[in-house]
Amino acid sequence: MFSAWSEFRKGKRHKLDVQTFEFNLEDNIFKLHWLLKTGRYQHGNYVSFCVKDPKPRIIHKAPVVDRVLHHAIFRVLYPIFDEMFINDSYSCRINKGTHKAVKQLGSYIQKVSRNYQQNCFVLKCDIKKFFHSIDHQILLSLIQKKITDDKAMDLI
C-alpha cells in the first residue's frame, strides 16, 4: 500500500485532500489494510467537477483512500493484462505514452508513404461517451477469466 501511495501522490502533493491524507499517512494506510483484511472496505462517493481540456468534460474523483487502493489494484492487474494488449496501444501503459505513440506514428507514415513520396491517410477520432458505453457485465466477465479470486473481483 505504501508503494501505491508513493505512485499515487506524484503530481498531487499540493492538493488539500492529498495533504490531509498524508498528514495521518500511516494511520490511513493501516486502516485501509484493516478494512480490506476484515472485509469491511467500502468505496467512498465520487465528487464530480468540470474541466476544460480543451473541451468541457465532467470528471468524477474518488476519495484519496480509494485512489490509493486503485493504484494498488493496478500494480497487481497491470502485468496480467498488459501482455494482452497490441503493441501499438500506448495510453496508460508503462514505458509507452503520447510521445512514443507520436514517434511510432511518424515511423508508420514514413513507411506507408514510401519515404514521404506517396499520400497516406491517418484517422484521428474521438468516440463520444466511449467509456460510458462499455457494458460492465461483459467487461467483468472478461476480467474474471484472468482473475479467479473472489475477494479481488469484489474490489474490482
N, C-alpha and C. Protein backbone atom coordinates (compact mmCIF):
# COMPACT_ATOMS: atom_id res chain seq x y z
N MET A 1 0.82 -1.20 0.00
CA MET A 1 0.00 0.00 0.00
C MET A 1 0.87 1.27 0.00
N PHE A 2 2.00 1.20 0.69
CA PHE A 2 2.86 2.38 0.71
C PHE A 2 3.45 2.66 -0.67
N SER A 3 3.74 1.62 -1.43
CA SER A 3 4.22 1.81 -2.81
C SER A 3 3.12 2.41 -3.67
N ALA A 4 1.90 1.95 -3.47
CA ALA A 4 0.76 2.51 -4.21
C ALA A 4 0.58 3.98 -3.85
N TRP A 5 0.73 4.31 -2.58
CA TRP A 5 0.64 5.70 -2.14
C TRP A 5 1.71 6.55 -2.82
N SER A 6 2.93 6.04 -2.85
CA SER A 6 4.04 6.77 -3.45
C SER A 6 3.77 7.07 -4.92
N GLU A 7 3.23 6.11 -5.64
CA GLU A 7 2.89 6.33 -7.05
C GLU A 7 1.72 7.31 -7.18
N PHE A 8 0.72 7.13 -6.35
CA PHE A 8 -0.48 7.96 -6.43
C PHE A 8 -0.17 9.44 -6.23
N ARG A 9 0.66 9.76 -5.25
CA ARG A 9 0.83 11.16 -4.86
C ARG A 9 1.64 12.00 -5.83
N LYS A 10 2.31 11.36 -6.80
CA LYS A 10 3.12 12.11 -7.76
C LYS A 10 2.26 13.15 -8.48
N GLY A 11 2.69 14.39 -8.38
CA GLY A 11 1.99 15.49 -9.03
C GLY A 11 0.73 15.95 -8.32
N LYS A 12 0.46 15.39 -7.13
CA LYS A 12 -0.77 15.74 -6.42
C LYS A 12 -0.51 16.26 -5.00
N ARG A 13 0.74 16.39 -4.62
CA ARG A 13 1.07 16.73 -3.23
C ARG A 13 0.55 18.10 -2.82
N HIS A 14 0.27 18.98 -3.76
CA HIS A 14 -0.23 20.31 -3.43
C HIS A 14 -1.74 20.33 -3.20
N LYS A 15 -2.42 19.23 -3.49
CA LYS A 15 -3.88 19.15 -3.33
C LYS A 15 -4.23 18.97 -1.85
N LEU A 16 -5.25 19.67 -1.40
CA LEU A 16 -5.62 19.65 0.01
C LEU A 16 -6.02 18.25 0.48
N ASP A 17 -6.81 17.53 -0.32
CA ASP A 17 -7.25 16.20 0.11
C ASP A 17 -6.07 15.23 0.23
N VAL A 18 -5.08 15.39 -0.63
CA VAL A 18 -3.89 14.54 -0.58
C VAL A 18 -3.04 14.91 0.64
N GLN A 19 -2.90 16.19 0.92
CA GLN A 19 -2.15 16.64 2.10
C GLN A 19 -2.81 16.15 3.39
N THR A 20 -4.13 16.21 3.43
CA THR A 20 -4.87 15.75 4.61
C THR A 20 -4.64 14.26 4.84
N PHE A 21 -4.69 13.48 3.77
CA PHE A 21 -4.45 12.04 3.88
C PHE A 21 -3.02 11.78 4.34
N GLU A 22 -2.08 12.53 3.78
CA GLU A 22 -0.67 12.33 4.10
C GLU A 22 -0.34 12.73 5.54
N PHE A 23 -1.09 13.66 6.10
CA PHE A 23 -0.85 14.11 7.47
C PHE A 23 -0.94 12.94 8.45
N ASN A 24 -1.85 12.01 8.20
CA ASN A 24 -2.00 10.80 9.02
C ASN A 24 -1.76 9.57 8.15
N LEU A 25 -0.70 9.61 7.37
CA LEU A 25 -0.46 8.59 6.35
C LEU A 25 -0.47 7.17 6.91
N GLU A 26 0.34 6.91 7.91
CA GLU A 26 0.42 5.54 8.43
C GLU A 26 -0.93 5.05 8.95
N ASP A 27 -1.61 5.90 9.72
CA ASP A 27 -2.94 5.51 10.22
C ASP A 27 -3.89 5.22 9.07
N ASN A 28 -3.87 6.07 8.05
CA ASN A 28 -4.78 5.89 6.91
C ASN A 28 -4.47 4.61 6.14
N ILE A 29 -3.20 4.33 5.92
CA ILE A 29 -2.81 3.12 5.18
C ILE A 29 -3.15 1.87 5.99
N PHE A 30 -2.82 1.90 7.28
CA PHE A 30 -3.11 0.72 8.12
C PHE A 30 -4.61 0.51 8.29
N LYS A 31 -5.37 1.60 8.34
CA LYS A 31 -6.84 1.47 8.42
C LYS A 31 -7.38 0.84 7.13
N LEU A 32 -6.88 1.29 6.00
CA LEU A 32 -7.30 0.71 4.72
C LEU A 32 -6.96 -0.78 4.69
N HIS A 33 -5.77 -1.12 5.12
CA HIS A 33 -5.36 -2.53 5.17
C HIS A 33 -6.30 -3.34 6.06
N TRP A 34 -6.62 -2.80 7.21
CA TRP A 34 -7.52 -3.49 8.15
C TRP A 34 -8.91 -3.66 7.54
N LEU A 35 -9.43 -2.60 6.92
CA LEU A 35 -10.75 -2.69 6.28
C LEU A 35 -10.77 -3.76 5.20
N LEU A 36 -9.71 -3.82 4.42
CA LEU A 36 -9.63 -4.84 3.37
C LEU A 36 -9.54 -6.24 3.98
N LYS A 37 -8.70 -6.37 4.98
CA LYS A 37 -8.47 -7.68 5.60
C LYS A 37 -9.73 -8.22 6.27
N THR A 38 -10.52 -7.33 6.87
CA THR A 38 -11.72 -7.76 7.58
C THR A 38 -12.97 -7.77 6.69
N GLY A 39 -12.80 -7.40 5.42
CA GLY A 39 -13.94 -7.40 4.51
C GLY A 39 -14.90 -6.25 4.73
N ARG A 40 -14.46 -5.20 5.40
CA ARG A 40 -15.34 -4.06 5.72
C ARG A 40 -15.13 -2.86 4.80
N TYR A 41 -14.22 -2.99 3.88
CA TYR A 41 -13.93 -1.86 2.98
C TYR A 41 -15.14 -1.57 2.10
N GLN A 42 -15.48 -0.30 1.99
CA GLN A 42 -16.50 0.15 1.04
C GLN A 42 -15.95 1.38 0.33
N HIS A 43 -16.11 1.38 -0.97
CA HIS A 43 -15.64 2.51 -1.78
C HIS A 43 -16.44 3.75 -1.41
N GLY A 44 -15.76 4.88 -1.32
CA GLY A 44 -16.43 6.14 -0.99
C GLY A 44 -17.16 6.73 -2.19
N ASN A 45 -17.81 7.87 -1.96
CA ASN A 45 -18.56 8.56 -3.00
C ASN A 45 -17.63 9.39 -3.88
N TYR A 46 -17.98 9.47 -5.14
CA TYR A 46 -17.23 10.29 -6.08
C TYR A 46 -17.67 11.74 -5.97
N VAL A 47 -16.74 12.65 -6.22
CA VAL A 47 -17.03 14.07 -6.33
C VAL A 47 -16.90 14.42 -7.80
N SER A 48 -17.89 15.12 -8.34
CA SER A 48 -17.88 15.47 -9.76
C SER A 48 -17.53 16.94 -9.93
N PHE A 49 -16.75 17.24 -10.97
CA PHE A 49 -16.44 18.61 -11.32
C PHE A 49 -16.14 18.68 -12.81
N CYS A 50 -16.15 19.89 -13.35
CA CYS A 50 -15.97 20.08 -14.79
C CYS A 50 -14.60 20.70 -15.06
N VAL A 51 -13.94 20.21 -16.11
CA VAL A 51 -12.68 20.80 -16.57
C VAL A 51 -12.81 21.09 -18.06
N LYS A 52 -11.97 22.00 -18.55
CA LYS A 52 -11.89 22.26 -19.99
C LYS A 52 -10.50 21.82 -20.43
N ASP A 53 -10.44 20.74 -21.21
CA ASP A 53 -9.14 20.12 -21.53
C ASP A 53 -9.12 19.57 -22.94
N PRO A 54 -9.21 20.25 -24.01
CA PRO A 54 -9.62 21.64 -24.20
C PRO A 54 -11.14 21.79 -24.21
N LYS A 55 -11.86 20.68 -24.41
CA LYS A 55 -13.32 20.77 -24.39
C LYS A 55 -13.82 20.45 -22.99
N PRO A 56 -15.00 20.94 -22.62
CA PRO A 56 -15.53 20.65 -21.28
C PRO A 56 -15.77 19.15 -21.07
N ARG A 57 -15.32 18.66 -19.93
CA ARG A 57 -15.54 17.26 -19.55
C ARG A 57 -15.91 17.21 -18.08
N ILE A 58 -16.74 16.26 -17.73
CA ILE A 58 -17.07 16.04 -16.32
C ILE A 58 -16.13 14.98 -15.78
N ILE A 59 -15.48 15.29 -14.68
CA ILE A 59 -14.56 14.38 -14.01
C ILE A 59 -15.23 13.89 -12.73
N HIS A 60 -15.10 12.61 -12.48
CA HIS A 60 -15.61 12.01 -11.24
C HIS A 60 -14.40 11.54 -10.45
N LYS A 61 -14.18 12.14 -9.28
CA LYS A 61 -12.98 11.87 -8.49
C LYS A 61 -13.35 11.10 -7.22
N ALA A 62 -12.68 9.97 -7.02
CA ALA A 62 -12.88 9.17 -5.81
C ALA A 62 -12.08 9.78 -4.66
N PRO A 63 -12.45 9.45 -3.43
CA PRO A 63 -11.65 9.91 -2.29
C PRO A 63 -10.22 9.38 -2.37
N VAL A 64 -9.30 10.06 -1.72
CA VAL A 64 -7.88 9.71 -1.78
C VAL A 64 -7.64 8.25 -1.41
N VAL A 65 -8.24 7.78 -0.33
CA VAL A 65 -8.01 6.40 0.12
C VAL A 65 -8.39 5.41 -0.98
N ASP A 66 -9.45 5.69 -1.69
CA ASP A 66 -9.89 4.79 -2.77
C ASP A 66 -8.94 4.86 -3.96
N ARG A 67 -8.42 6.06 -4.23
CA ARG A 67 -7.49 6.18 -5.34
C ARG A 67 -6.15 5.50 -5.03
N VAL A 68 -5.76 5.49 -3.77
CA VAL A 68 -4.57 4.73 -3.37
C VAL A 68 -4.82 3.25 -3.62
N LEU A 69 -5.99 2.76 -3.23
CA LEU A 69 -6.33 1.36 -3.48
C LEU A 69 -6.38 1.08 -4.98
N HIS A 70 -6.89 2.01 -5.77
CA HIS A 70 -6.91 1.83 -7.23
C HIS A 70 -5.49 1.58 -7.74
N HIS A 71 -4.53 2.35 -7.22
CA HIS A 71 -3.13 2.16 -7.63
C HIS A 71 -2.61 0.79 -7.21
N ALA A 72 -2.98 0.36 -6.02
CA ALA A 72 -2.54 -0.96 -5.55
C ALA A 72 -3.12 -2.06 -6.44
N ILE A 73 -4.37 -1.93 -6.80
CA ILE A 73 -5.01 -2.91 -7.69
C ILE A 73 -4.34 -2.89 -9.06
N PHE A 74 -4.08 -1.69 -9.56
CA PHE A 74 -3.40 -1.54 -10.85
C PHE A 74 -2.06 -2.27 -10.85
N ARG A 75 -1.31 -2.14 -9.75
CA ARG A 75 0.01 -2.77 -9.66
C ARG A 75 -0.08 -4.29 -9.80
N VAL A 76 -1.19 -4.87 -9.34
CA VAL A 76 -1.39 -6.32 -9.44
C VAL A 76 -1.92 -6.70 -10.82
N LEU A 77 -2.88 -5.94 -11.32
CA LEU A 77 -3.55 -6.31 -12.57
C LEU A 77 -2.73 -5.99 -13.82
N TYR A 78 -1.93 -4.93 -13.77
CA TYR A 78 -1.22 -4.48 -14.97
C TYR A 78 -0.41 -5.58 -15.64
N PRO A 79 0.45 -6.30 -14.92
CA PRO A 79 1.25 -7.33 -15.61
C PRO A 79 0.40 -8.45 -16.19
N ILE A 80 -0.75 -8.70 -15.61
CA ILE A 80 -1.63 -9.76 -16.10
C ILE A 80 -2.26 -9.37 -17.42
N PHE A 81 -2.70 -8.12 -17.52
CA PHE A 81 -3.44 -7.68 -18.70
C PHE A 81 -2.58 -7.01 -19.76
N ASP A 82 -1.45 -6.44 -19.38
CA ASP A 82 -0.61 -5.72 -20.35
C ASP A 82 -0.19 -6.61 -21.51
N GLU A 83 0.11 -7.86 -21.24
CA GLU A 83 0.55 -8.77 -22.29
C GLU A 83 -0.54 -9.05 -23.33
N MET A 84 -1.79 -8.73 -22.99
CA MET A 84 -2.89 -8.97 -23.92
C MET A 84 -3.07 -7.84 -24.93
N PHE A 85 -2.50 -6.67 -24.64
CA PHE A 85 -2.70 -5.51 -25.50
C PHE A 85 -1.80 -5.59 -26.73
N ILE A 86 -2.28 -5.02 -27.82
CA ILE A 86 -1.44 -4.95 -29.01
C ILE A 86 -0.29 -4.00 -28.74
N ASN A 87 0.81 -4.17 -29.44
CA ASN A 87 2.00 -3.36 -29.23
C ASN A 87 1.74 -1.88 -29.48
N ASP A 88 0.82 -1.56 -30.36
CA ASP A 88 0.56 -0.16 -30.70
C ASP A 88 -0.52 0.48 -29.84
N SER A 89 -0.78 -0.07 -28.69
CA SER A 89 -1.66 0.55 -27.71
C SER A 89 -0.77 1.30 -26.73
N TYR A 90 -0.90 2.62 -26.65
CA TYR A 90 0.06 3.43 -25.91
C TYR A 90 -0.50 4.10 -24.65
N SER A 91 -1.79 4.26 -24.55
CA SER A 91 -2.36 5.01 -23.44
C SER A 91 -2.32 4.23 -22.14
N CYS A 92 -1.91 4.91 -21.07
CA CYS A 92 -1.91 4.34 -19.71
C CYS A 92 -1.09 3.06 -19.59
N ARG A 93 0.02 3.00 -20.31
CA ARG A 93 0.88 1.82 -20.25
C ARG A 93 2.29 2.24 -19.87
N ILE A 94 2.91 1.41 -19.04
CA ILE A 94 4.27 1.68 -18.57
C ILE A 94 5.23 1.66 -19.77
N ASN A 95 6.11 2.65 -19.81
CA ASN A 95 7.09 2.82 -20.90
C ASN A 95 6.45 3.03 -22.27
N LYS A 96 5.26 3.58 -22.28
CA LYS A 96 4.60 3.92 -23.55
C LYS A 96 4.26 5.41 -23.48
N GLY A 97 3.07 5.80 -23.81
CA GLY A 97 2.65 7.19 -23.68
C GLY A 97 2.58 7.93 -25.00
N THR A 98 2.17 9.18 -24.90
CA THR A 98 1.90 10.01 -26.07
C THR A 98 3.12 10.21 -26.95
N HIS A 99 4.27 10.52 -26.36
CA HIS A 99 5.46 10.80 -27.17
C HIS A 99 5.89 9.58 -28.00
N LYS A 100 5.85 8.42 -27.39
CA LYS A 100 6.21 7.21 -28.13
C LYS A 100 5.17 6.89 -29.20
N ALA A 101 3.91 7.18 -28.90
CA ALA A 101 2.85 6.95 -29.89
C ALA A 101 3.06 7.83 -31.12
N VAL A 102 3.38 9.10 -30.89
CA VAL A 102 3.62 10.04 -32.00
C VAL A 102 4.85 9.62 -32.79
N LYS A 103 5.88 9.18 -32.10
CA LYS A 103 7.10 8.72 -32.79
C LYS A 103 6.79 7.50 -33.66
N GLN A 104 6.01 6.55 -33.13
CA GLN A 104 5.64 5.36 -33.90
C GLN A 104 4.76 5.74 -35.09
N LEU A 105 3.85 6.68 -34.88
CA LEU A 105 3.00 7.15 -35.98
C LEU A 105 3.87 7.72 -37.09
N GLY A 106 4.86 8.53 -36.73
CA GLY A 106 5.78 9.09 -37.73
C GLY A 106 6.49 8.00 -38.50
N SER A 107 6.89 6.96 -37.82
CA SER A 107 7.55 5.83 -38.47
C SER A 107 6.61 5.13 -39.45
N TYR A 108 5.37 4.93 -39.03
CA TYR A 108 4.38 4.30 -39.92
C TYR A 108 4.08 5.17 -41.14
N ILE A 109 3.96 6.48 -40.92
CA ILE A 109 3.69 7.39 -42.04
C ILE A 109 4.84 7.34 -43.04
N GLN A 110 6.06 7.35 -42.55
CA GLN A 110 7.21 7.28 -43.44
C GLN A 110 7.19 5.98 -44.25
N LYS A 111 6.86 4.89 -43.60
CA LYS A 111 6.85 3.59 -44.27
C LYS A 111 5.72 3.50 -45.30
N VAL A 112 4.50 3.86 -44.89
CA VAL A 112 3.34 3.74 -45.78
C VAL A 112 3.45 4.71 -46.96
N SER A 113 4.01 5.90 -46.73
CA SER A 113 4.14 6.88 -47.80
C SER A 113 5.38 6.66 -48.65
N ARG A 114 6.05 5.55 -48.39
CA ARG A 114 7.29 5.22 -49.11
C ARG A 114 8.26 6.40 -49.06
N ASN A 115 8.62 6.71 -47.80
CA ASN A 115 9.54 7.80 -47.51
C ASN A 115 9.00 9.15 -47.98
N TYR A 116 7.73 9.37 -47.70
CA TYR A 116 7.03 10.62 -47.98
C TYR A 116 6.87 10.91 -49.47
N GLN A 117 6.88 9.88 -50.29
CA GLN A 117 6.74 10.06 -51.73
C GLN A 117 5.31 9.82 -52.21
N GLN A 118 4.49 9.21 -51.38
CA GLN A 118 3.09 8.94 -51.73
C GLN A 118 2.19 9.46 -50.61
N ASN A 119 0.94 9.73 -51.00
CA ASN A 119 -0.04 10.15 -49.99
C ASN A 119 -0.39 8.98 -49.09
N CYS A 120 -0.66 9.30 -47.86
CA CYS A 120 -1.22 8.30 -46.94
C CYS A 120 -2.22 9.04 -46.05
N PHE A 121 -3.05 8.29 -45.38
CA PHE A 121 -4.11 8.90 -44.59
C PHE A 121 -4.05 8.39 -43.16
N VAL A 122 -4.39 9.29 -42.25
CA VAL A 122 -4.43 8.97 -40.82
C VAL A 122 -5.80 9.40 -40.31
N LEU A 123 -6.43 8.54 -39.55
CA LEU A 123 -7.72 8.88 -38.95
C LEU A 123 -7.50 9.23 -37.49
N LYS A 124 -7.92 10.43 -37.13
CA LYS A 124 -7.92 10.82 -35.72
C LYS A 124 -9.37 10.98 -35.33
N CYS A 125 -9.78 10.25 -34.30
CA CYS A 125 -11.19 10.34 -33.92
C CYS A 125 -11.34 10.23 -32.41
N ASP A 126 -12.48 10.66 -31.95
CA ASP A 126 -12.83 10.57 -30.54
C ASP A 126 -14.24 9.98 -30.49
N ILE A 127 -14.38 8.85 -29.84
CA ILE A 127 -15.69 8.21 -29.76
C ILE A 127 -16.42 8.81 -28.57
N LYS A 128 -17.49 9.51 -28.87
CA LYS A 128 -18.25 10.21 -27.84
C LYS A 128 -18.80 9.23 -26.81
N LYS A 129 -18.59 9.57 -25.55
CA LYS A 129 -19.11 8.77 -24.43
C LYS A 129 -18.65 7.31 -24.49
N PHE A 130 -17.44 7.06 -24.98
CA PHE A 130 -16.96 5.69 -25.15
C PHE A 130 -16.97 4.92 -23.83
N PHE A 131 -16.36 5.47 -22.79
CA PHE A 131 -16.26 4.74 -21.53
C PHE A 131 -17.63 4.53 -20.89
N HIS A 132 -18.53 5.47 -21.10
CA HIS A 132 -19.89 5.31 -20.57
C HIS A 132 -20.64 4.19 -21.29
N SER A 133 -20.22 3.88 -22.50
CA SER A 133 -20.94 2.88 -23.29
C SER A 133 -20.45 1.45 -23.06
N ILE A 134 -19.39 1.28 -22.28
CA ILE A 134 -18.85 -0.07 -22.04
C ILE A 134 -19.81 -0.85 -21.16
N ASP A 135 -20.16 -2.04 -21.59
CA ASP A 135 -21.03 -2.92 -20.82
C ASP A 135 -20.21 -3.53 -19.69
N HIS A 136 -20.49 -3.13 -18.46
CA HIS A 136 -19.69 -3.58 -17.32
C HIS A 136 -19.81 -5.07 -17.06
N GLN A 137 -20.94 -5.66 -17.38
CA GLN A 137 -21.09 -7.11 -17.18
C GLN A 137 -20.14 -7.86 -18.11
N ILE A 138 -20.06 -7.43 -19.35
CA ILE A 138 -19.14 -8.07 -20.30
C ILE A 138 -17.70 -7.84 -19.86
N LEU A 139 -17.38 -6.61 -19.48
CA LEU A 139 -16.02 -6.29 -19.03
C LEU A 139 -15.63 -7.14 -17.82
N LEU A 140 -16.51 -7.23 -16.83
CA LEU A 140 -16.21 -8.03 -15.64
C LEU A 140 -16.06 -9.51 -15.97
N SER A 141 -16.86 -10.00 -16.92
CA SER A 141 -16.72 -11.41 -17.29
C SER A 141 -15.38 -11.67 -17.97
N LEU A 142 -14.89 -10.71 -18.74
CA LEU A 142 -13.56 -10.84 -19.35
C LEU A 142 -12.46 -10.80 -18.30
N ILE A 143 -12.61 -9.92 -17.33
CA ILE A 143 -11.62 -9.82 -16.26
C ILE A 143 -11.62 -11.10 -15.43
N GLN A 144 -12.81 -11.64 -15.19
CA GLN A 144 -12.94 -12.84 -14.35
C GLN A 144 -12.27 -14.06 -14.98
N LYS A 145 -12.08 -14.04 -16.28
CA LYS A 145 -11.36 -15.15 -16.92
C LYS A 145 -9.90 -15.18 -16.48
N LYS A 146 -9.36 -14.03 -16.09
CA LYS A 146 -7.96 -13.94 -15.66
C LYS A 146 -7.82 -13.87 -14.14
N ILE A 147 -8.81 -13.28 -13.47
CA ILE A 147 -8.76 -13.10 -12.02
C ILE A 147 -9.82 -14.01 -11.39
N THR A 148 -9.38 -15.05 -10.74
CA THR A 148 -10.33 -16.04 -10.20
C THR A 148 -10.58 -15.87 -8.71
N ASP A 149 -9.84 -15.00 -8.05
CA ASP A 149 -10.02 -14.77 -6.61
C ASP A 149 -11.26 -13.91 -6.38
N ASP A 150 -12.21 -14.43 -5.60
CA ASP A 150 -13.47 -13.72 -5.35
C ASP A 150 -13.27 -12.39 -4.64
N LYS A 151 -12.36 -12.34 -3.67
CA LYS A 151 -12.12 -11.09 -2.94
C LYS A 151 -11.53 -10.02 -3.86
N ALA A 152 -10.65 -10.43 -4.74
CA ALA A 152 -10.08 -9.49 -5.71
C ALA A 152 -11.17 -8.98 -6.65
N MET A 153 -12.03 -9.88 -7.10
CA MET A 153 -13.12 -9.48 -8.00
C MET A 153 -14.09 -8.53 -7.30
N ASP A 154 -14.32 -8.72 -6.01
CA ASP A 154 -15.19 -7.81 -5.27
C ASP A 154 -14.63 -6.39 -5.27
N LEU A 155 -13.31 -6.27 -5.20
CA LEU A 155 -12.68 -4.95 -5.22
C LEU A 155 -12.78 -4.31 -6.60
N ILE A 156 -12.68 -5.14 -7.62
CA ILE A 156 -12.73 -4.63 -8.99
C ILE A 156 -14.15 -4.17 -9.28
